[in-house]
């Protein structure tokens, strides 16, 4: 009886003769029969049978589920859909709102004004272009308001009484990063440091206006409500000169020029200060109603 393969085709030996059951087998004949059996199988049917097995279905299904979980948990799929990289994807609609103020081109950056008697200084020329010291990157500011009360502690009492004394706006710090990548930014960094050095000194020695205290400057930033012409004095400042950054040479500052850090941190501590006349004309009713927004400098 002839031996057939899985497709019903007769299996032949090495000489092309049909193999019959019960005939003696040889290693060469076995190899030939195995080769003929493999070549007679339809490749598409073999792949379909392999992919359709339960084990492969489970592996494919598990891998698909893990990919879906990753896409959903990381938001990667949302990013791909926004660029139409996934099938049937629709990009999200974005609406951009323009921030405007009373001016045509409002500058809401944090800025300290330049005193009039500083405008003729050549080293402060970069600050003239920005009308004062501007923090180029959004700084960190913590504003503190406080009300002081004195304690009255009666004898044999569990709870003290409090008598109001006064309210004030405490000094606060402005901390911002400065990055220097070219000669102009280096000049601005030097001007900023020289400005802070100058506004913390009084008119002393052989100078004009001898005996005058350090100047009062105006603080502006974040529009009319937050800081609008707030009179402040700079009580201290600090500059970071790190050891793990590059330094860039800025020519024109002395025979050897100046070397400025490519990345630094500048912190200025300011104290709001108001004249006696301004304090006498202050009205809490107007303040509560917003009457001082954009004028007066009261915060």
Protein backbone atom coordinates (compact mmCIF):
# COMPACT_ATOMS: atom_id res chain seq x y z
CA UNK A 1 0.00 0.00 0.00
CA UNK A 2 1.40 3.41 -1.04
CA UNK A 3 2.28 5.90 1.64
CA UNK A 4 0.74 9.39 1.23
CA UNK A 5 1.43 12.72 2.92
CA UNK A 6 -1.07 14.99 4.70
CA UNK A 7 -2.35 16.34 1.37
CA UNK A 8 -2.94 12.88 -0.13
CA UNK A 9 0.10 12.97 -2.39
CA UNK A 10 2.21 9.79 -2.65
CA UNK A 11 5.53 9.88 -0.87
CA UNK A 12 8.45 8.90 -3.11
CA UNK A 13 11.91 7.60 -2.27
CA UNK A 14 15.25 8.91 -3.51
CA UNK A 15 14.79 7.16 -6.90
CA UNK A 16 11.32 8.64 -7.42
CA UNK A 17 9.51 5.38 -6.72
CA UNK A 18 6.36 5.40 -4.52
CA UNK A 19 7.01 4.27 -0.97
CA UNK A 20 4.85 1.47 0.23
CA UNK A 21 4.00 0.55 3.78
CA UNK A 22 6.08 -2.22 5.20
CA UNK A 23 9.01 -1.52 2.88
CA UNK A 24 12.41 -1.28 4.54
CA UNK A 25 13.53 2.25 5.40
CA UNK A 26 16.95 3.80 5.21
CA UNK A 27 18.32 7.04 6.66
CA UNK A 28 18.54 8.54 3.17
CA UNK A 29 15.03 7.52 2.39
CA UNK A 30 13.70 8.94 5.64
CA UNK A 31 15.37 12.28 4.97
CA UNK A 32 13.98 12.36 1.46
CA UNK A 33 10.48 11.57 2.65
CA UNK A 34 10.68 14.34 5.28
CA UNK A 35 11.85 16.84 2.65
CA UNK A 36 9.04 15.82 0.27
CA UNK A 37 6.51 16.16 3.05
CA UNK A 38 7.66 19.68 3.90
CA UNK A 39 7.74 20.84 0.31
CA UNK A 40 4.25 19.53 -0.35
CA UNK A 41 2.64 21.64 2.40
CA UNK A 42 0.97 24.89 1.34
CA UNK A 43 2.97 27.75 3.01
CA UNK A 44 -0.13 29.95 3.46
CA UNK A 45 -2.02 27.09 5.06
CA UNK A 46 0.90 26.37 7.38
CA UNK A 47 1.10 29.99 8.54
CA UNK A 48 -2.65 30.16 9.04
CA UNK A 49 -2.62 26.94 11.06
CA UNK A 50 0.30 28.21 13.16
CA UNK A 51 -1.23 31.66 13.81
CA UNK A 52 -4.60 30.14 14.59
CA UNK A 53 -3.37 27.97 17.41
CA UNK A 54 -4.59 28.84 20.87
CA UNK A 55 -1.11 29.48 22.24
CA UNK A 56 -0.20 31.98 19.54
CA UNK A 57 -3.57 33.71 19.87
CA UNK A 58 -2.94 34.14 23.57
CA UNK A 59 0.54 35.57 23.03
CA UNK A 60 -0.67 38.03 20.38
CA UNK A 61 -3.64 39.08 22.48
CA UNK A 62 -1.47 39.67 25.55
CA UNK A 63 1.07 41.71 23.61
CA UNK A 64 -1.70 43.82 22.08
CA UNK A 65 -3.20 44.49 25.51
CA UNK A 66 0.15 45.52 26.96
CA UNK A 67 0.74 47.97 24.09
CA UNK A 68 -2.74 49.46 24.57
CA UNK A 69 -2.15 49.83 28.32
CA UNK A 70 1.16 51.60 27.68
CA UNK A 71 -0.36 53.99 25.16
CA UNK A 72 -3.25 54.89 27.48
CA UNK A 73 -1.19 55.24 30.65
CA UNK A 74 1.57 57.40 29.17
CA UNK A 75 -0.54 59.62 26.93
CA UNK A 76 1.60 58.57 23.97
CA UNK A 77 -1.46 57.70 21.95
CA UNK A 78 -2.98 61.11 22.52
CA UNK A 79 0.16 62.72 21.13
CA UNK A 80 0.08 60.46 18.08
CA UNK A 81 -3.58 61.17 17.45
CA UNK A 82 -2.86 64.88 17.56
CA UNK A 83 -0.56 64.41 14.58
CA UNK A 84 -2.84 61.94 12.75
CA UNK A 85 -0.37 59.09 13.20
CA UNK A 86 -3.01 56.66 14.43
CA UNK A 87 -5.90 55.38 12.30
CA UNK A 88 -9.17 57.32 12.53
CA UNK A 89 -7.40 59.98 14.59
CA UNK A 90 -8.69 63.52 14.87
CA UNK A 91 -6.37 66.30 16.05
CA UNK A 92 -7.44 68.23 19.11
CA UNK A 93 -8.63 71.79 18.66
CA UNK A 94 -6.43 74.40 20.31
CA UNK A 95 -7.46 77.98 20.94
CA UNK A 96 -4.86 80.64 21.65
CA UNK A 97 -5.95 83.69 23.61
CA UNK A 98 -3.97 86.89 23.30
CA UNK A 99 -3.17 88.65 26.57
CA UNK A 100 -3.65 92.40 26.24
CA UNK A 101 -3.55 95.38 28.54
CA UNK A 102 -4.10 99.10 28.27
CA UNK A 103 -0.95 99.52 26.18
CA UNK A 104 -0.66 98.39 22.60
CA UNK A 105 2.41 96.27 23.45
CA UNK A 106 2.33 95.67 27.20
CA UNK A 107 5.53 94.56 28.87
CA UNK A 108 4.54 92.52 31.93
CA UNK A 109 8.07 91.35 32.76
CA UNK A 110 9.44 92.07 36.24
CA UNK A 111 11.45 95.28 36.07
CA UNK A 112 13.23 97.70 38.40
CA UNK A 113 13.38 101.28 37.14
CA UNK A 114 16.58 103.18 36.41
CA UNK A 115 17.14 106.37 38.44
CA UNK A 116 17.58 109.54 36.38
CA UNK A 117 21.12 110.19 37.61
CA UNK A 118 22.16 106.70 36.41
CA UNK A 119 21.22 107.25 32.76
CA UNK A 120 24.56 108.81 31.81
CA UNK A 121 26.58 105.81 32.93
CA UNK A 122 28.12 104.00 29.96
CA UNK A 123 28.25 100.69 31.79
CA UNK A 124 24.47 100.90 32.39
CA UNK A 125 23.69 101.60 28.73
CA UNK A 126 22.19 98.10 28.13
CA UNK A 127 19.57 98.90 30.79
CA UNK A 128 18.49 102.01 28.91
CA UNK A 129 17.24 99.84 26.05
CA UNK A 130 14.86 98.03 28.45
CA UNK A 131 14.06 101.13 30.54
CA UNK A 132 15.46 99.54 33.69
CA UNK A 133 16.69 96.20 34.98
CA UNK A 134 14.48 93.51 33.45
CA UNK A 135 14.63 89.93 34.66
CA UNK A 136 14.85 88.12 31.31
CA UNK A 137 13.35 84.90 32.70
CA UNK A 138 10.31 84.75 34.97
CA UNK A 139 11.66 85.10 38.53
CA UNK A 140 10.42 83.60 41.77
CA UNK A 141 8.78 86.11 44.12
CA UNK A 142 7.23 85.58 47.55
CA UNK A 143 5.20 88.54 48.83
CA UNK A 144 4.48 88.76 52.55
CA UNK A 145 1.83 90.96 54.17
CA UNK A 146 1.54 91.00 57.96
CA UNK A 147 -0.52 92.53 60.74
CA UNK A 148 1.11 92.93 64.15
CA UNK A 149 -0.70 92.38 67.44
CA UNK A 150 0.61 92.63 70.97
CA UNK A 151 -0.44 90.03 73.51
CA UNK A 152 -2.16 90.95 76.74
CA UNK A 153 -1.97 88.02 79.16
CA UNK A 154 -4.13 88.45 82.27
CA UNK A 155 -3.18 86.50 85.37
CA UNK A 156 -4.99 83.19 85.84
CA UNK A 157 -6.33 83.13 82.30
CA UNK A 158 -6.18 80.47 79.62
CA UNK A 159 -6.54 82.78 76.63
CA UNK A 160 -4.60 86.01 75.99
CA UNK A 161 -6.07 89.13 74.44
CA UNK A 162 -4.61 90.77 71.37
CA UNK A 163 -4.27 94.48 70.76
CA UNK A 164 -3.71 95.55 67.18
CA UNK A 165 -0.57 97.55 66.51
CA UNK A 166 0.01 98.00 62.77
CA UNK A 167 0.03 96.41 59.32
CA UNK A 168 2.81 96.38 56.78
CA UNK A 169 4.12 94.87 53.58
CA UNK A 170 7.28 93.01 54.49
CA UNK A 171 10.38 92.95 52.37
CA UNK A 172 10.48 90.21 49.77
CA UNK A 173 13.01 88.74 47.41
CA UNK A 174 13.09 88.54 43.62
CA UNK A 175 15.11 85.57 42.42
CA UNK A 176 15.74 85.04 38.73
CA UNK A 177 18.02 83.13 36.38
CA UNK A 178 20.36 84.81 33.93
CA UNK A 179 21.78 82.98 30.91
CA UNK A 180 24.63 84.43 28.86
CA UNK A 181 25.27 83.09 25.34
CA UNK A 182 26.67 86.10 23.50
CA UNK A 183 28.43 89.41 24.00
CA UNK A 184 25.25 91.47 24.37
CA UNK A 185 23.84 89.21 27.10
CA UNK A 186 27.21 89.43 28.85
CA UNK A 187 27.02 93.23 28.77
CA UNK A 188 23.49 93.11 30.18
CA UNK A 189 24.60 90.80 33.00
CA UNK A 190 27.42 93.19 33.91
CA UNK A 191 25.05 96.17 33.77
CA UNK A 192 22.60 94.37 36.07
CA UNK A 193 25.29 93.67 38.66
CA UNK A 194 26.60 97.25 38.47
CA UNK A 195 23.04 98.57 38.82
CA UNK A 196 22.45 96.55 42.01
CA UNK A 197 25.79 97.64 43.41
CA UNK A 198 24.93 101.27 42.75
CA UNK A 199 21.35 101.38 44.11
CA UNK A 200 22.48 99.96 47.45
CA UNK A 201 24.94 102.82 48.09
CA UNK A 202 24.44 106.34 49.43
CA UNK A 203 25.91 109.52 47.98
CA UNK A 204 29.14 109.66 49.94
CA UNK A 205 32.49 111.37 49.47
CA UNK A 206 33.42 113.66 46.59
CA UNK A 207 30.16 113.26 44.72
CA UNK A 208 27.04 115.22 43.85
CA UNK A 209 24.09 115.32 46.24
CA UNK A 210 26.30 114.32 49.17
CA UNK A 211 24.46 112.66 52.04
CA UNK A 212 21.52 111.37 49.99
CA UNK A 213 20.42 107.81 50.84
CA UNK A 214 20.24 105.04 48.23
CA UNK A 215 17.61 105.88 45.62
CA UNK A 216 14.01 104.70 45.61
CA UNK A 217 13.16 102.77 42.45
CA UNK A 218 9.89 101.57 40.95
CA UNK A 219 8.95 97.92 40.70
CA UNK A 220 6.72 96.80 37.82
CA UNK A 221 5.58 93.40 36.66
CA UNK A 222 2.62 91.18 35.78
CA UNK A 223 0.33 94.00 34.72
CA UNK A 224 -1.41 96.82 36.57
CA UNK A 225 -2.75 94.81 39.50
CA UNK A 226 0.29 92.93 40.83
CA UNK A 227 3.14 95.46 40.60
CA UNK A 228 2.48 98.86 39.09
CA UNK A 229 5.03 101.57 39.95
CA UNK A 230 5.52 100.20 43.46
CA UNK A 231 8.14 102.34 45.24
CA UNK A 232 10.82 100.08 46.70
CA UNK A 233 14.30 100.26 48.14
CA UNK A 234 16.77 97.46 47.52
CA UNK A 235 18.06 96.29 50.87
CA UNK A 236 20.37 93.53 49.63
CA UNK A 237 21.25 91.42 46.64
CA UNK A 238 23.17 88.22 45.96
CA UNK A 239 24.79 86.83 42.82
CA UNK A 240 25.68 83.21 42.17
CA UNK A 241 29.06 82.54 40.55
CA UNK A 242 29.00 78.78 40.15
CA UNK A 243 31.97 76.52 39.67
CA UNK A 244 30.21 74.08 37.32
CA UNK A 245 29.42 76.52 34.50
CA UNK A 246 31.36 78.05 31.63
CA UNK A 247 32.53 81.65 31.72
CA UNK A 248 32.38 83.94 28.69
CA UNK A 249 34.77 86.82 28.13
CA UNK A 250 33.16 90.21 27.50
CA UNK A 251 35.68 92.71 26.06
CA UNK A 252 35.69 96.43 26.74
CA UNK A 253 35.56 96.28 30.53
CA UNK A 254 39.07 97.18 31.61
CA UNK A 255 42.34 96.09 29.99
CA UNK A 256 41.58 92.38 30.46
CA UNK A 257 37.83 92.45 29.89
CA UNK A 258 35.33 90.70 32.14
CA UNK A 259 34.37 87.04 32.48
CA UNK A 260 30.72 86.31 33.15
CA UNK A 261 29.04 82.97 33.94
CA UNK A 262 26.94 81.37 31.23
CA UNK A 263 24.31 80.57 33.88
CA UNK A 264 23.79 82.36 37.17
CA UNK A 265 21.15 83.28 39.71
CA UNK A 266 20.52 86.83 40.93
CA UNK A 267 18.48 87.56 44.05
CA UNK A 268 17.39 91.06 45.02
CA UNK A 269 15.59 91.82 48.29
CA UNK A 270 13.25 94.81 48.07
CA UNK A 271 11.20 96.70 50.64
CA UNK A 272 8.11 98.68 49.59
CA UNK A 273 8.32 102.21 50.98
CA UNK A 274 5.78 105.06 50.89
CA UNK A 275 6.10 108.74 51.69
CA UNK A 276 4.27 110.28 54.62
CA UNK A 277 2.07 112.31 52.30
CA UNK A 278 1.06 109.17 50.36
CA UNK A 279 0.25 107.31 53.59
CA UNK A 280 -1.81 110.22 54.92
CA UNK A 281 -3.95 110.26 51.77
CA UNK A 282 -4.45 106.49 51.78
CA UNK A 283 -8.10 105.34 51.84
CA UNK A 284 -8.98 101.79 52.80
CA UNK A 285 -12.38 102.18 51.12
CA UNK A 286 -10.67 103.04 47.85
CA UNK A 287 -8.20 100.20 48.29
CA UNK A 288 -10.96 97.63 48.85
CA UNK A 289 -12.84 98.86 45.78
CA UNK A 290 -9.71 98.59 43.64
CA UNK A 291 -9.25 102.33 43.35
CA UNK A 292 -5.47 102.08 43.56
CA UNK A 293 -5.05 99.50 40.80
CA UNK A 294 -2.60 100.94 38.31
CA UNK A 295 -1.80 104.00 40.39
CA UNK A 296 -0.38 104.93 43.77
CA UNK A 297 1.80 101.84 44.06
CA UNK A 298 -0.09 100.49 47.07
CA UNK A 299 -0.09 96.71 47.38
